[in-house]
Amino acid sequence: MPNDLSTSDVLTLLAKRRRRLLLQLLRDAGTPLPTTELAERIRDSECDEPASSDLVSIRLRLRHAHLPKLEEAAVVEYDESEGTVCPERNFGTLVNFLEKVGEEGSPCSDR
């Protein structure tokens, strides 16, 4: 499948830790994930003592910021009616880049 992402696009899409974590979770699942499950896994990965209010905040940021940005770039397909997220044609490009550079930094920062 063709990759239509520029280097700048890749860097912009990977700039936020939460998007990087979302990609890793989706890759590891190997199957479409419900957004509620993604939000729970992200919450559990980000902080030592997650609060229920964190989950609401994470779901809102996913729905209104991260998923639309990734969907616009054909990295994921977000089915709002089903509430699921699955890989799209440019998913592999970002995951390959992420695997090459690794993941570092504080899990509670750069959301």
N, C-alpha and C. Protein backbone atom coordinates (compact mmCIF):
# COMPACT_ATOMS: atom_id res chain seq x y z
N MET A 1 0.84 -1.18 0.00
CA MET A 1 0.00 0.00 0.00
C MET A 1 0.88 1.25 0.00
N PRO A 2 0.50 2.25 -0.72
CA PRO A 2 1.32 3.46 -0.80
C PRO A 2 1.28 4.26 0.49
N ASN A 3 2.39 4.94 0.73
CA ASN A 3 2.50 5.83 1.87
C ASN A 3 2.47 7.25 1.35
N ASP A 4 1.52 8.02 1.80
CA ASP A 4 1.44 9.41 1.34
C ASP A 4 1.73 10.40 2.46
N LEU A 5 2.52 9.97 3.44
CA LEU A 5 2.90 10.85 4.54
C LEU A 5 4.30 11.39 4.33
N SER A 6 4.45 12.68 4.49
CA SER A 6 5.78 13.28 4.43
C SER A 6 6.47 13.09 5.78
N THR A 7 7.76 13.36 5.81
CA THR A 7 8.49 13.28 7.07
C THR A 7 7.89 14.24 8.08
N SER A 8 7.51 15.41 7.63
CA SER A 8 6.89 16.39 8.52
C SER A 8 5.57 15.85 9.09
N ASP A 9 4.77 15.19 8.24
CA ASP A 9 3.52 14.59 8.71
C ASP A 9 3.78 13.55 9.80
N VAL A 10 4.76 12.69 9.55
CA VAL A 10 5.10 11.63 10.50
C VAL A 10 5.50 12.24 11.84
N LEU A 11 6.37 13.24 11.80
CA LEU A 11 6.84 13.86 13.04
C LEU A 11 5.71 14.58 13.78
N THR A 12 4.83 15.22 13.04
CA THR A 12 3.69 15.91 13.66
C THR A 12 2.75 14.90 14.31
N LEU A 13 2.47 13.81 13.61
CA LEU A 13 1.55 12.80 14.14
C LEU A 13 2.12 12.09 15.36
N LEU A 14 3.43 11.96 15.43
CA LEU A 14 4.05 11.27 16.55
C LEU A 14 4.49 12.22 17.67
N ALA A 15 4.16 13.50 17.54
CA ALA A 15 4.61 14.50 18.51
C ALA A 15 4.01 14.30 19.89
N LYS A 16 2.80 13.78 19.96
CA LYS A 16 2.13 13.60 21.24
C LYS A 16 2.26 12.16 21.73
N ARG A 17 2.65 12.02 22.97
CA ARG A 17 2.86 10.70 23.55
C ARG A 17 1.58 9.86 23.51
N ARG A 18 0.45 10.47 23.73
CA ARG A 18 -0.80 9.72 23.74
C ARG A 18 -1.08 9.09 22.37
N ARG A 19 -0.73 9.79 21.30
CA ARG A 19 -0.91 9.20 19.96
C ARG A 19 0.06 8.04 19.76
N ARG A 20 1.29 8.20 20.24
CA ARG A 20 2.26 7.11 20.13
C ARG A 20 1.78 5.89 20.91
N LEU A 21 1.25 6.11 22.09
CA LEU A 21 0.74 5.02 22.90
C LEU A 21 -0.46 4.35 22.23
N LEU A 22 -1.34 5.14 21.66
CA LEU A 22 -2.50 4.61 20.95
C LEU A 22 -2.05 3.69 19.81
N LEU A 23 -1.06 4.10 19.05
CA LEU A 23 -0.54 3.29 17.95
C LEU A 23 0.05 1.97 18.46
N GLN A 24 0.79 2.04 19.55
CA GLN A 24 1.38 0.84 20.11
C GLN A 24 0.30 -0.13 20.61
N LEU A 25 -0.71 0.40 21.26
CA LEU A 25 -1.79 -0.44 21.77
C LEU A 25 -2.55 -1.11 20.63
N LEU A 26 -2.81 -0.36 19.58
CA LEU A 26 -3.52 -0.91 18.42
C LEU A 26 -2.68 -1.96 17.71
N ARG A 27 -1.38 -1.70 17.60
CA ARG A 27 -0.47 -2.67 16.99
C ARG A 27 -0.44 -3.96 17.80
N ASP A 28 -0.31 -3.83 19.11
CA ASP A 28 -0.22 -5.00 19.98
C ASP A 28 -1.51 -5.81 20.01
N ALA A 29 -2.64 -5.14 19.87
CA ALA A 29 -3.94 -5.82 19.90
C ALA A 29 -4.13 -6.66 18.65
N GLY A 30 -3.66 -6.17 17.51
CA GLY A 30 -3.81 -6.90 16.25
C GLY A 30 -5.24 -6.99 15.77
N THR A 31 -6.12 -6.25 16.37
CA THR A 31 -7.54 -6.26 16.02
C THR A 31 -8.12 -4.88 16.35
N PRO A 32 -9.21 -4.49 15.71
CA PRO A 32 -9.81 -3.20 16.08
C PRO A 32 -10.13 -3.15 17.58
N LEU A 33 -9.94 -1.99 18.16
CA LEU A 33 -10.21 -1.82 19.59
C LEU A 33 -11.33 -0.80 19.81
N PRO A 34 -12.19 -1.07 20.78
CA PRO A 34 -13.18 -0.07 21.16
C PRO A 34 -12.49 1.15 21.78
N THR A 35 -13.01 2.32 21.52
CA THR A 35 -12.40 3.53 22.07
C THR A 35 -12.41 3.53 23.59
N THR A 36 -13.43 2.91 24.19
CA THR A 36 -13.47 2.84 25.65
C THR A 36 -12.30 2.02 26.18
N GLU A 37 -11.99 0.93 25.52
CA GLU A 37 -10.86 0.10 25.93
C GLU A 37 -9.53 0.82 25.70
N LEU A 38 -9.41 1.51 24.59
CA LEU A 38 -8.20 2.30 24.33
C LEU A 38 -7.99 3.33 25.43
N ALA A 39 -9.06 4.03 25.79
CA ALA A 39 -8.97 5.06 26.83
C ALA A 39 -8.54 4.44 28.16
N GLU A 40 -9.09 3.29 28.50
CA GLU A 40 -8.72 2.62 29.75
C GLU A 40 -7.25 2.20 29.74
N ARG A 41 -6.81 1.65 28.62
CA ARG A 41 -5.41 1.20 28.54
C ARG A 41 -4.46 2.38 28.59
N ILE A 42 -4.82 3.48 27.95
CA ILE A 42 -3.99 4.68 27.97
C ILE A 42 -3.93 5.22 29.40
N ARG A 43 -5.08 5.32 30.05
CA ARG A 43 -5.11 5.80 31.44
C ARG A 43 -4.21 4.95 32.32
N ASP A 44 -4.34 3.64 32.20
CA ASP A 44 -3.55 2.74 33.03
C ASP A 44 -2.05 2.84 32.74
N SER A 45 -1.68 3.20 31.53
CA SER A 45 -0.27 3.31 31.15
C SER A 45 0.35 4.65 31.54
N GLU A 46 -0.49 5.68 31.64
CA GLU A 46 0.06 7.02 31.84
C GLU A 46 0.44 7.36 33.26
N CYS A 47 -0.33 6.95 34.22
CA CYS A 47 -0.09 7.39 35.58
C CYS A 47 -0.23 6.25 36.58
N ASP A 48 0.47 6.40 37.70
CA ASP A 48 0.46 5.37 38.74
C ASP A 48 -0.90 5.22 39.41
N GLU A 49 -1.57 6.32 39.65
CA GLU A 49 -2.85 6.28 40.35
C GLU A 49 -3.92 6.95 39.50
N PRO A 50 -4.42 6.25 38.47
CA PRO A 50 -5.41 6.85 37.60
C PRO A 50 -6.74 7.10 38.31
N ALA A 51 -7.39 8.18 37.97
CA ALA A 51 -8.70 8.52 38.53
C ALA A 51 -9.76 8.36 37.45
N SER A 52 -11.00 8.19 37.87
CA SER A 52 -12.08 8.03 36.89
C SER A 52 -12.24 9.29 36.05
N SER A 53 -11.92 10.45 36.61
CA SER A 53 -12.00 11.69 35.84
C SER A 53 -10.97 11.70 34.71
N ASP A 54 -9.85 11.01 34.92
CA ASP A 54 -8.84 10.90 33.87
C ASP A 54 -9.41 10.19 32.66
N LEU A 55 -10.21 9.18 32.89
CA LEU A 55 -10.79 8.39 31.81
C LEU A 55 -11.70 9.25 30.93
N VAL A 56 -12.50 10.09 31.54
CA VAL A 56 -13.38 10.98 30.78
C VAL A 56 -12.55 11.94 29.94
N SER A 57 -11.53 12.51 30.54
CA SER A 57 -10.65 13.44 29.84
C SER A 57 -9.94 12.76 28.67
N ILE A 58 -9.46 11.55 28.90
CA ILE A 58 -8.75 10.82 27.85
C ILE A 58 -9.70 10.52 26.69
N ARG A 59 -10.90 10.04 27.00
CA ARG A 59 -11.88 9.75 25.93
C ARG A 59 -12.20 10.99 25.11
N LEU A 60 -12.36 12.12 25.78
CA LEU A 60 -12.66 13.36 25.06
C LEU A 60 -11.51 13.77 24.15
N ARG A 61 -10.27 13.69 24.66
CA ARG A 61 -9.11 14.05 23.83
C ARG A 61 -8.94 13.10 22.66
N LEU A 62 -9.18 11.81 22.90
CA LEU A 62 -9.10 10.85 21.79
C LEU A 62 -10.11 11.21 20.73
N ARG A 63 -11.33 11.39 21.15
CA ARG A 63 -12.45 11.60 20.21
C ARG A 63 -12.35 12.92 19.44
N HIS A 64 -11.90 13.97 20.12
CA HIS A 64 -11.92 15.29 19.50
C HIS A 64 -10.57 15.79 18.98
N ALA A 65 -9.50 15.12 19.34
CA ALA A 65 -8.19 15.60 18.90
C ALA A 65 -7.37 14.50 18.21
N HIS A 66 -7.04 13.47 18.94
CA HIS A 66 -6.09 12.48 18.43
C HIS A 66 -6.66 11.61 17.31
N LEU A 67 -7.84 11.05 17.50
CA LEU A 67 -8.40 10.19 16.46
C LEU A 67 -8.70 10.94 15.16
N PRO A 68 -9.29 12.14 15.22
CA PRO A 68 -9.50 12.86 13.96
C PRO A 68 -8.20 13.17 13.22
N LYS A 69 -7.14 13.51 13.96
CA LYS A 69 -5.86 13.82 13.33
C LYS A 69 -5.28 12.56 12.66
N LEU A 70 -5.34 11.44 13.35
CA LEU A 70 -4.84 10.18 12.78
C LEU A 70 -5.72 9.68 11.64
N GLU A 71 -7.01 9.90 11.75
CA GLU A 71 -7.91 9.47 10.68
C GLU A 71 -7.73 10.31 9.42
N GLU A 72 -7.54 11.60 9.59
CA GLU A 72 -7.32 12.49 8.44
C GLU A 72 -6.07 12.09 7.66
N ALA A 73 -5.08 11.55 8.36
CA ALA A 73 -3.83 11.13 7.73
C ALA A 73 -3.89 9.67 7.27
N ALA A 74 -5.06 9.05 7.34
CA ALA A 74 -5.26 7.65 6.94
C ALA A 74 -4.35 6.69 7.72
N VAL A 75 -4.17 7.00 9.00
CA VAL A 75 -3.40 6.13 9.88
C VAL A 75 -4.33 5.16 10.60
N VAL A 76 -5.47 5.66 11.02
CA VAL A 76 -6.49 4.81 11.63
C VAL A 76 -7.84 5.11 10.99
N GLU A 77 -8.74 4.17 11.17
CA GLU A 77 -10.13 4.40 10.81
C GLU A 77 -10.92 4.38 12.10
N TYR A 78 -11.61 5.47 12.37
CA TYR A 78 -12.40 5.59 13.59
C TYR A 78 -13.86 5.49 13.20
N ASP A 79 -14.51 4.42 13.62
CA ASP A 79 -15.94 4.22 13.36
C ASP A 79 -16.70 4.73 14.57
N GLU A 80 -17.17 5.96 14.48
CA GLU A 80 -17.82 6.60 15.61
C GLU A 80 -19.10 5.86 16.02
N SER A 81 -19.85 5.36 15.06
CA SER A 81 -21.10 4.67 15.39
C SER A 81 -20.84 3.36 16.14
N GLU A 82 -19.77 2.65 15.79
CA GLU A 82 -19.41 1.41 16.47
C GLU A 82 -18.50 1.66 17.67
N GLY A 83 -17.85 2.83 17.66
CA GLY A 83 -16.92 3.15 18.74
C GLY A 83 -15.63 2.36 18.67
N THR A 84 -15.17 2.04 17.44
CA THR A 84 -13.96 1.24 17.29
C THR A 84 -12.90 1.98 16.47
N VAL A 85 -11.67 1.56 16.67
CA VAL A 85 -10.53 2.11 15.95
C VAL A 85 -9.75 0.95 15.35
N CYS A 86 -9.41 1.07 14.06
CA CYS A 86 -8.61 0.03 13.42
C CYS A 86 -7.57 0.69 12.51
N PRO A 87 -6.51 -0.04 12.18
CA PRO A 87 -5.45 0.51 11.33
C PRO A 87 -5.94 0.85 9.93
N GLU A 88 -5.34 1.87 9.34
CA GLU A 88 -5.61 2.28 7.96
C GLU A 88 -4.30 2.17 7.19
N ARG A 89 -4.29 2.64 5.96
CA ARG A 89 -3.16 2.39 5.05
C ARG A 89 -1.83 2.96 5.52
N ASN A 90 -1.80 4.05 6.26
CA ASN A 90 -0.54 4.64 6.71
C ASN A 90 -0.14 4.23 8.12
N PHE A 91 -0.88 3.32 8.71
CA PHE A 91 -0.59 2.85 10.07
C PHE A 91 0.82 2.27 10.17
N GLY A 92 1.17 1.40 9.25
CA GLY A 92 2.47 0.74 9.27
C GLY A 92 3.63 1.72 9.21
N THR A 93 3.48 2.78 8.47
CA THR A 93 4.54 3.79 8.36
C THR A 93 4.88 4.37 9.72
N LEU A 94 3.83 4.76 10.48
CA LEU A 94 4.08 5.35 11.79
C LEU A 94 4.60 4.33 12.78
N VAL A 95 4.05 3.14 12.76
CA VAL A 95 4.49 2.10 13.69
C VAL A 95 5.94 1.71 13.41
N ASN A 96 6.31 1.58 12.14
CA ASN A 96 7.70 1.26 11.80
C ASN A 96 8.65 2.34 12.29
N PHE A 97 8.28 3.58 12.10
CA PHE A 97 9.11 4.69 12.56
C PHE A 97 9.23 4.66 14.08
N LEU A 98 8.12 4.43 14.76
CA LEU A 98 8.10 4.37 16.21
C LEU A 98 8.99 3.24 16.73
N GLU A 99 8.96 2.11 16.07
CA GLU A 99 9.79 0.98 16.48
C GLU A 99 11.27 1.28 16.29
N LYS A 100 11.61 2.03 15.26
CA LYS A 100 13.01 2.36 15.00
C LYS A 100 13.57 3.34 16.02
N VAL A 101 12.77 4.32 16.42
CA VAL A 101 13.29 5.34 17.33
C VAL A 101 13.06 5.00 18.78
N GLY A 102 12.16 4.07 19.09
CA GLY A 102 11.89 3.70 20.47
C GLY A 102 11.03 4.72 21.17
N GLU A 103 10.70 4.42 22.39
CA GLU A 103 9.84 5.31 23.18
C GLU A 103 10.53 5.63 24.48
N GLU A 104 10.71 6.92 24.73
CA GLU A 104 11.34 7.38 25.97
C GLU A 104 10.54 8.52 26.53
N GLY A 105 10.79 8.86 27.77
CA GLY A 105 10.15 10.02 28.37
C GLY A 105 9.18 9.62 29.46
N SER A 106 8.73 10.62 30.16
CA SER A 106 7.81 10.42 31.27
C SER A 106 6.43 10.05 30.77
N PRO A 107 5.84 8.99 31.32
CA PRO A 107 4.54 8.56 30.85
C PRO A 107 3.41 9.52 31.20
N CYS A 108 3.61 10.43 32.13
CA CYS A 108 2.53 11.35 32.52
C CYS A 108 2.67 12.72 31.89
N SER A 109 3.58 12.87 30.95
CA SER A 109 3.75 14.17 30.31
C SER A 109 3.49 14.07 28.81
N ASP A 110 3.36 15.23 28.18
CA ASP A 110 3.25 15.32 26.72
C ASP A 110 2.06 14.53 26.17
N ARG A 111 0.89 14.82 26.70
CA ARG A 111 -0.31 14.09 26.30
C ARG A 111 -0.85 14.65 25.03
